[in-house]
PDB file of all heavy atoms in Angstrom:
ATOM      1  N   LYS A   1      98.851  93.875 121.890  1.00  0.00           N
ATOM      2  CA  LYS A   1      97.911  94.931 122.454  1.00  0.00           C
ATOM      3  C   LYS A   1      98.289  96.111 121.976  1.00  0.00           C
ATOM      4  O   LYS A   1      99.506  96.465 121.825  1.00  0.00           O
ATOM      5  CB  LYS A   1      97.915  94.921 124.029  1.00  0.00           C
ATOM      6  CG  LYS A   1      97.329  93.526 124.553  1.00  0.00           C
ATOM      7  CD  LYS A   1      97.226  93.687 126.054  1.00  0.00           C
ATOM      8  CE  LYS A   1      96.445  92.435 126.575  1.00  0.00           C
ATOM      9  NZ  LYS A   1      95.604  92.744 127.602  1.00  0.00           N
ATOM     10  N   ILE A   2      97.210  97.013 121.674  1.00  0.00           N
ATOM     11  CA  ILE A   2      97.469  98.280 121.102  1.00  0.00           C
ATOM     12  C   ILE A   2      96.562  99.345 121.637  1.00  0.00           C
ATOM     13  O   ILE A   2      95.419  98.977 122.106  1.00  0.00           O
ATOM     14  CB  ILE A   2      97.553  98.442 119.643  1.00  0.00           C
ATOM     15  CG1 ILE A   2      96.118  98.111 119.012  1.00  0.00           C
ATOM     16  CG2 ILE A   2      98.592  97.506 118.939  1.00  0.00           C
ATOM     17  CD1 ILE A   2      95.739  98.821 117.914  1.00  0.00           C
ATOM     18  N   ILE A   3      96.948 100.589 121.742  1.00  0.00           N
ATOM     19  CA  ILE A   3      96.047 101.637 122.008  1.00  0.00           C
ATOM     20  C   ILE A   3      95.611 102.183 120.541  1.00  0.00           C
ATOM     21  O   ILE A   3      96.365 102.603 119.739  1.00  0.00           O
ATOM     22  CB  ILE A   3      96.611 102.791 122.805  1.00  0.00           C
ATOM     23  CG1 ILE A   3      97.015 102.265 124.149  1.00  0.00           C
ATOM     24  CG2 ILE A   3      95.683 103.918 122.944  1.00  0.00           C
ATOM     25  CD1 ILE A   3      97.670 103.148 125.121  1.00  0.00           C
ATOM     26  N   PRO A   4      94.306 102.007 120.253  1.00  0.00           N
ATOM     27  CA  PRO A   4      93.917 102.359 118.822  1.00  0.00           C
ATOM     28  C   PRO A   4      94.276 103.637 118.359  1.00  0.00           C
ATOM     29  O   PRO A   4      94.592 103.769 117.240  1.00  0.00           O
ATOM     30  CB  PRO A   4      92.436 102.157 118.809  1.00  0.00           C
ATOM     31  CG  PRO A   4      92.141 101.258 120.030  1.00  0.00           C
ATOM     32  CD  PRO A   4      93.167 101.514 120.989  1.00  0.00           C
ATOM     33  N   SER A   5      94.259 104.681 119.194  1.00  0.00           N
ATOM     34  CA  SER A   5      94.508 106.023 118.706  1.00  0.00           C
ATOM     35  C   SER A   5      95.962 106.215 118.522  1.00  0.00           C
ATOM     36  O   SER A   5      96.387 107.060 117.525  1.00  0.00           O
ATOM     37  CB  SER A   5      94.078 107.048 119.784  1.00  0.00           C
ATOM     38  OG  SER A   5      94.682 106.851 120.875  1.00  0.00           O
ATOM     39  N   ALA A   6      96.863 105.346 118.949  1.00  0.00           N
ATOM     40  CA  ALA A   6      98.208 105.394 118.681  1.00  0.00           C
ATOM     41  C   ALA A   6      98.577 104.842 117.331  1.00  0.00           C
ATOM     42  O   ALA A   6      99.670 105.101 116.775  1.00  0.00           O
ATOM     43  CB  ALA A   6      99.116 104.725 119.804  1.00  0.00           C
ATOM     44  N   PHE A   7      97.616 103.993 116.865  1.00  0.00           N
ATOM     45  CA  PHE A   7      98.014 103.221 115.626  1.00  0.00           C
ATOM     46  C   PHE A   7      96.703 103.380 114.650  1.00  0.00           C
ATOM     47  O   PHE A   7      96.152 102.126 114.374  1.00  0.00           O
ATOM     48  CB  PHE A   7      98.491 101.894 115.793  1.00  0.00           C
ATOM     49  CG  PHE A   7      99.749 101.754 116.517  1.00  0.00           C
ATOM     50  CD1 PHE A   7      99.763 101.559 117.861  1.00  0.00           C
ATOM     51  CD2 PHE A   7     100.974 101.971 115.899  1.00  0.00           C
ATOM     52  CE1 PHE A   7     100.950 101.514 118.610  1.00  0.00           C
ATOM     53  CE2 PHE A   7     102.195 101.928 116.536  1.00  0.00           C
ATOM     54  CZ  PHE A   7     102.139 101.662 117.921  1.00  0.00           C
ATOM     55  N   PRO A   8      96.253 104.388 114.228  1.00  0.00           N
ATOM     56  CA  PRO A   8      94.947 104.543 113.627  1.00  0.00           C
ATOM     57  C   PRO A   8      94.832 103.762 112.220  1.00  0.00           C
ATOM     58  O   PRO A   8      93.892 103.406 111.787  1.00  0.00           O
ATOM     59  CB  PRO A   8      94.688 105.952 113.393  1.00  0.00           C
ATOM     60  CG  PRO A   8      96.038 106.580 113.438  1.00  0.00           C
ATOM     61  CD  PRO A   8      96.887 105.698 114.381  1.00  0.00           C
ATOM     62  N   GLU A   9      96.076 103.643 111.665  1.00  0.00           N
ATOM     63  CA  GLU A   9      96.043 102.974 110.376  1.00  0.00           C
ATOM     64  C   GLU A   9      96.607 101.361 110.484  1.00  0.00           C
ATOM     65  O   GLU A   9      96.838 100.758 109.423  1.00  0.00           O
ATOM     66  CB  GLU A   9      97.135 103.672 109.343  1.00  0.00           C
ATOM     67  CG  GLU A   9      96.709 105.026 109.090  1.00  0.00           C
ATOM     68  CD  GLU A   9      95.284 105.076 108.252  1.00  0.00           C
ATOM     69  OE1 GLU A   9      95.231 104.206 107.288  1.00  0.00           O
ATOM     70  OE2 GLU A   9      94.549 105.895 108.700  1.00  0.00           O
ATOM     71  N   LEU A  10      96.514 100.951 111.574  1.00  0.00           N
ATOM     72  CA  LEU A  10      96.946  99.508 111.817  1.00  0.00           C
ATOM     73  C   LEU A  10      96.483  98.591 110.888  1.00  0.00           C
ATOM     74  O   LEU A  10      97.153  97.699 110.320  1.00  0.00           O
ATOM     75  CB  LEU A  10      96.978  99.175 113.318  1.00  0.00           C
ATOM     76  CG  LEU A  10      97.515  97.857 113.609  1.00  0.00           C
ATOM     77  CD1 LEU A  10      98.956  97.626 113.340  1.00  0.00           C
ATOM     78  CD2 LEU A  10      97.314  97.507 115.030  1.00  0.00           C
ATOM     79  N   ALA A  11      95.111  98.511 110.871  1.00  0.00           N
ATOM     80  CA  ALA A  11      94.384  97.551 110.110  1.00  0.00           C
ATOM     81  C   ALA A  11      94.695  97.559 108.635  1.00  0.00           C
ATOM     82  O   ALA A  11      94.787  96.502 108.081  1.00  0.00           O
ATOM     83  CB  ALA A  11      92.847  97.629 110.321  1.00  0.00           C
ATOM     84  N   VAL A  12      94.980  98.813 108.126  1.00  0.00           N
ATOM     85  CA  VAL A  12      95.338  98.978 106.712  1.00  0.00           C
ATOM     86  C   VAL A  12      96.692  98.236 106.441  1.00  0.00           C
ATOM     87  O   VAL A  12      96.955  97.567 105.627  1.00  0.00           O
ATOM     88  CB  VAL A  12      95.468 100.490 106.321  1.00  0.00           C
ATOM     89  CG1 VAL A  12      96.029 100.514 104.974  1.00  0.00           C
ATOM     90  CG2 VAL A  12      94.067 101.037 106.406  1.00  0.00           C
ATOM     91  N   HIS A  13      97.757  98.493 107.487  1.00  0.00           N
ATOM     92  CA  HIS A  13      98.991  97.805 107.373  1.00  0.00           C
ATOM     93  C   HIS A  13      98.998  96.339 107.508  1.00  0.00           C
ATOM     94  O   HIS A  13      99.599  95.632 106.627  1.00  0.00           O
ATOM     95  CB  HIS A  13      99.974  98.473 108.430  1.00  0.00           C
ATOM     96  CG  HIS A  13     100.258  99.938 108.164  1.00  0.00           C
ATOM     97  ND1 HIS A  13     100.998 100.382 107.104  1.00  0.00           N
ATOM     98  CD2 HIS A  13      99.977 101.016 108.910  1.00  0.00           C
ATOM     99  CE1 HIS A  13     100.988 101.671 107.159  1.00  0.00           C
ATOM    100  NE2 HIS A  13     100.449 102.130 108.200  1.00  0.00           N
ATOM    101  N   VAL A  14      98.192  95.829 108.405  1.00  0.00           N
ATOM    102  CA  VAL A  14      98.136  94.455 108.649  1.00  0.00           C
ATOM    103  C   VAL A  14      97.530  93.747 107.406  1.00  0.00           C
ATOM    104  O   VAL A  14      97.950  92.733 106.862  1.00  0.00           O
ATOM    105  CB  VAL A  14      97.380  94.077 109.966  1.00  0.00           C
ATOM    106  CG1 VAL A  14      97.130  92.578 110.047  1.00  0.00           C
ATOM    107  CG2 VAL A  14      98.063  94.623 111.207  1.00  0.00           C
ATOM    108  N   ARG A  15      96.488  94.254 106.918  1.00  0.00           N
ATOM    109  CA  ARG A  15      95.735  93.712 105.589  1.00  0.00           C
ATOM    110  C   ARG A  15      96.745  93.782 104.516  1.00  0.00           C
ATOM    111  O   ARG A  15      96.715  92.990 103.652  1.00  0.00           O
ATOM    112  CB  ARG A  15      94.431  94.407 105.467  1.00  0.00           C
ATOM    113  CG  ARG A  15      93.488  94.202 106.544  1.00  0.00           C
ATOM    114  CD  ARG A  15      91.867  94.194 106.082  1.00  0.00           C
ATOM    115  NE  ARG A  15      91.095  94.102 107.136  1.00  0.00           N
ATOM    116  CZ  ARG A  15      90.771  92.971 107.764  1.00  0.00           C
ATOM    117  NH1 ARG A  15      91.282  91.829 107.332  1.00  0.00           N
ATOM    118  NH2 ARG A  15      89.816  93.004 108.790  1.00  0.00           N
ATOM    119  N   SER A  16      97.458  94.781 104.331  1.00  0.00           N
ATOM    120  CA  SER A  16      98.535  94.850 103.306  1.00  0.00           C
ATOM    121  C   SER A  16      99.460  93.770 103.499  1.00  0.00           C
ATOM    122  O   SER A  16      99.861  93.037 102.513  1.00  0.00           O
ATOM    123  CB  SER A  16      99.207  96.194 103.320  1.00  0.00           C
ATOM    124  OG  SER A  16     100.197  96.262 102.450  1.00  0.00           O
ATOM    125  N   ILE A  17      99.980  93.584 104.582  1.00  0.00           N
ATOM    126  CA  ILE A  17     100.910  92.455 104.840  1.00  0.00           C
ATOM    127  C   ILE A  17     100.202  91.059 104.531  1.00  0.00           C
ATOM    128  O   ILE A  17     100.797  90.242 103.843  1.00  0.00           O
ATOM    129  CB  ILE A  17     101.494  92.427 106.368  1.00  0.00           C
ATOM    130  CG1 ILE A  17     102.370  93.576 106.569  1.00  0.00           C
ATOM    131  CG2 ILE A  17     102.084  91.030 106.748  1.00  0.00           C
ATOM    132  CD1 ILE A  17     102.743  93.769 107.968  1.00  0.00           C
ATOM    133  N   GLN A  18      99.060  91.033 104.989  1.00  0.00           N
ATOM    134  CA  GLN A  18      98.323  89.599 104.643  1.00  0.00           C
ATOM    135  C   GLN A  18      98.066  89.518 103.206  1.00  0.00           C
ATOM    136  O   GLN A  18      98.193  88.407 102.607  1.00  0.00           O
ATOM    137  CB  GLN A  18      97.054  89.618 105.422  1.00  0.00           C
ATOM    138  CG  GLN A  18      97.238  89.416 106.970  1.00  0.00           C
ATOM    139  CD  GLN A  18      95.984  89.347 107.788  1.00  0.00           C
ATOM    140  OE1 GLN A  18      94.930  89.960 107.422  1.00  0.00           O
ATOM    141  NE2 GLN A  18      95.961  88.735 108.843  1.00  0.00           N
ATOM    142  N   SER A  19      97.797  90.545 102.496  1.00  0.00           N
ATOM    143  CA  SER A  19      97.656  90.457 100.958  1.00  0.00           C
ATOM    144  C   SER A  19      99.010  90.026 100.403  1.00  0.00           C
ATOM    145  O   SER A  19      99.012  89.302  99.497  1.00  0.00           O
ATOM    146  CB  SER A  19      97.145  91.822 100.500  1.00  0.00           C
ATOM    147  OG  SER A  19      97.173  91.735  99.126  1.00  0.00           O
ATOM    148  N   GLN A  20     100.026  90.655 100.739  1.00  0.00           N
ATOM    149  CA  GLN A  20     101.362  90.317 100.180  1.00  0.00           C
ATOM    150  C   GLN A  20     101.616  88.805 100.485  1.00  0.00           C
ATOM    151  O   GLN A  20     102.173  88.077  99.591  1.00  0.00           O
ATOM    152  CB  GLN A  20     102.382  91.160 100.816  1.00  0.00           C
ATOM    153  CG  GLN A  20     103.813  90.954 100.401  1.00  0.00           C
ATOM    154  CD  GLN A  20     104.020  91.265  98.886  1.00  0.00           C
ATOM    155  OE1 GLN A  20     103.447  92.129  98.332  1.00  0.00           O
ATOM    156  NE2 GLN A  20     104.815  90.487  98.117  1.00  0.00           N
ATOM    157  N   LEU A  21     101.389  88.416 101.697  1.00  0.00           N
ATOM    158  CA  LEU A  21     101.732  86.964 102.118  1.00  0.00           C
ATOM    159  C   LEU A  21     100.745  85.952 101.272  1.00  0.00           C
ATOM    160  O   LEU A  21     101.384  84.929 100.860  1.00  0.00           O
ATOM    161  CB  LEU A  21     101.460  86.772 103.604  1.00  0.00           C
ATOM    162  CG  LEU A  21     102.431  87.361 104.452  1.00  0.00           C
ATOM    163  CD1 LEU A  21     102.005  87.432 105.974  1.00  0.00           C
ATOM    164  CD2 LEU A  21     103.918  86.757 104.409  1.00  0.00           C
ATOM    165  N   THR A  22      99.516  86.308 101.119  1.00  0.00           N
ATOM    166  CA  THR A  22      98.765  85.397 100.344  1.00  0.00           C
ATOM    167  C   THR A  22      99.191  85.435  98.951  1.00  0.00           C
ATOM    168  O   THR A  22      98.834  84.472  98.217  1.00  0.00           O
ATOM    169  CB  THR A  22      97.248  85.648 100.461  1.00  0.00           C
ATOM    170  OG1 THR A  22      97.104  87.003 100.109  1.00  0.00           O
ATOM    171  CG2 THR A  22      96.721  85.337 101.872  1.00  0.00           C
ATOM    172  N   THR A  23      99.781  86.444  98.393  1.00  0.00           N
ATOM    173  CA  THR A  23     100.242  86.528  97.005  1.00  0.00           C
ATOM    174  C   THR A  23     101.618  85.596  96.877  1.00  0.00           C
ATOM    175  O   THR A  23     101.674  84.827  95.955  1.00  0.00           O
ATOM    176  CB  THR A  23     100.673  87.890  96.561  1.00  0.00           C
ATOM    177  OG1 THR A  23      99.482  88.627  96.564  1.00  0.00           O
ATOM    178  CG2 THR A  23     101.254  87.888  95.136  1.00  0.00           C
ATOM    179  N   GLU A  24     102.425  85.661  98.018  1.00  0.00           N
ATOM    180  CA  GLU A  24     103.574  84.852  97.935  1.00  0.00           C
ATOM    181  C   GLU A  24     103.415  83.453  98.248  1.00  0.00           C
ATOM    182  O   GLU A  24     104.100  82.535  97.753  1.00  0.00           O
ATOM    183  CB  GLU A  24     104.618  85.524  98.987  1.00  0.00           C
ATOM    184  CG  GLU A  24     105.135  86.904  98.467  1.00  0.00           C
ATOM    185  CD  GLU A  24     106.073  87.542  99.516  1.00  0.00           C
ATOM    186  OE1 GLU A  24     106.742  86.881 100.285  1.00  0.00           O
ATOM    187  OE2 GLU A  24     106.034  88.787  99.542  1.00  0.00           O
ATOM    188  N   PHE A  25     102.540  83.210  99.185  1.00  0.00           N
ATOM    189  CA  PHE A  25     102.183  81.814  99.753  1.00  0.00           C
ATOM    190  C   PHE A  25     100.762  81.546  99.312  1.00  0.00           C
ATOM    191  O   PHE A  25      99.788  81.752 100.087  1.00  0.00           O
ATOM    192  CB  PHE A  25     102.346  81.618 101.158  1.00  0.00           C
ATOM    193  CG  PHE A  25     103.788  81.993 101.706  1.00  0.00           C
ATOM    194  CD1 PHE A  25     104.106  83.326 102.118  1.00  0.00           C
ATOM    195  CD2 PHE A  25     104.751  81.030 101.748  1.00  0.00           C
ATOM    196  CE1 PHE A  25     105.315  83.583 102.682  1.00  0.00           C
ATOM    197  CE2 PHE A  25     105.995  81.374 102.209  1.00  0.00           C
ATOM    198  CZ  PHE A  25     106.325  82.670 102.604  1.00  0.00           C
ATOM    199  N   THR A  26     100.477  80.999  98.087  1.00  0.00           N
ATOM    200  CA  THR A  26      99.197  80.868  97.605  1.00  0.00           C
ATOM    201  C   THR A  26      98.197  80.051  98.271  1.00  0.00           C
ATOM    202  O   THR A  26      96.981  80.313  98.187  1.00  0.00           O
ATOM    203  CB  THR A  26      99.264  80.518  96.138  1.00  0.00           C
ATOM    204  OG1 THR A  26      99.953  79.232  95.971  1.00  0.00           O
ATOM    205  CG2 THR A  26      99.961  81.505  95.164  1.00  0.00           C
ATOM    206  N   SER A  27      98.652  79.068  99.049  1.00  0.00           N
ATOM    207  CA  SER A  27      97.795  78.231  99.784  1.00  0.00           C
ATOM    208  C   SER A  27      97.476  78.779 101.212  1.00  0.00           C
ATOM    209  O   SER A  27      96.591  78.164 101.881  1.00  0.00           O
ATOM    210  CB  SER A  27      98.399  76.793  99.971  1.00  0.00           C
ATOM    211  OG  SER A  27      99.470  76.874 100.658  1.00  0.00           O
ATOM    212  N   LEU A  28      98.047  79.956 101.607  1.00  0.00           N
ATOM    213  CA  LEU A  28      97.825  80.519 102.931  1.00  0.00           C
ATOM    214  C   LEU A  28      96.432  81.205 102.929  1.00  0.00           C
ATOM    215  O   LEU A  28      95.931  81.818 102.011  1.00  0.00           O
ATOM    216  CB  LEU A  28      98.920  81.657 103.061  1.00  0.00           C
ATOM    217  CG  LEU A  28      98.746  82.395 104.318  1.00  0.00           C
ATOM    218  CD1 LEU A  28      99.267  81.630 105.584  1.00  0.00           C
ATOM    219  CD2 LEU A  28      99.623  83.688 104.272  1.00  0.00           C
ATOM    220  N   THR A  29      95.836  80.993 104.128  1.00  0.00           N
ATOM    221  CA  THR A  29      94.618  81.632 104.485  1.00  0.00           C
ATOM    222  C   THR A  29      94.850  82.443 105.801  1.00  0.00           C
ATOM    223  O   THR A  29      95.631  82.069 106.593  1.00  0.00           O
ATOM    224  CB  THR A  29      93.317  80.768 104.672  1.00  0.00           C
ATOM    225  OG1 THR A  29      93.640  79.851 105.718  1.00  0.00           O
ATOM    226  CG2 THR A  29      93.008  80.042 103.308  1.00  0.00           C
ATOM    227  N   CYS A  30      94.327  83.667 106.005  1.00  0.00           N
ATOM    228  CA  CYS A  30      94.540  84.460 107.132  1.00  0.00           C
ATOM    229  C   CYS A  30      93.371  85.237 107.427  1.00  0.00           C
ATOM    230  O   CYS A  30      92.343  85.385 106.704  1.00  0.00           O
ATOM    231  CB  CYS A  30      95.749  85.337 106.912  1.00  0.00           C
ATOM    232  SG  CYS A  30      95.730  86.288 105.304  1.00  0.00           S
ATOM    233  N   ASP A  31      93.360  85.744 108.738  1.00  0.00           N
ATOM    234  CA  ASP A  31      92.293  86.515 109.183  1.00  0.00           C
ATOM    235  C   ASP A  31      92.851  87.558 110.219  1.00  0.00           C
ATOM    236  O   ASP A  31      93.988  87.488 110.618  1.00  0.00           O
ATOM    237  CB  ASP A  31      91.306  85.615 109.935  1.00  0.00           C
ATOM    238  CG  ASP A  31      89.880  86.202 110.023  1.00  0.00           C
ATOM    239  OD1 ASP A  31      89.728  87.404 109.634  1.00  0.00           O
ATOM    240  OD2 ASP A  31      89.071  85.487 110.441  1.00  0.00           O
TER     241      ASP A  31
END
């Protein structure tokens, strides 16, 4: 749970992590 105004860039950071993970684990799918 988050307060959106406290973490306005959260989605950018999570998608960056997911991109890195799918590069390292090529069969991984995420959402």
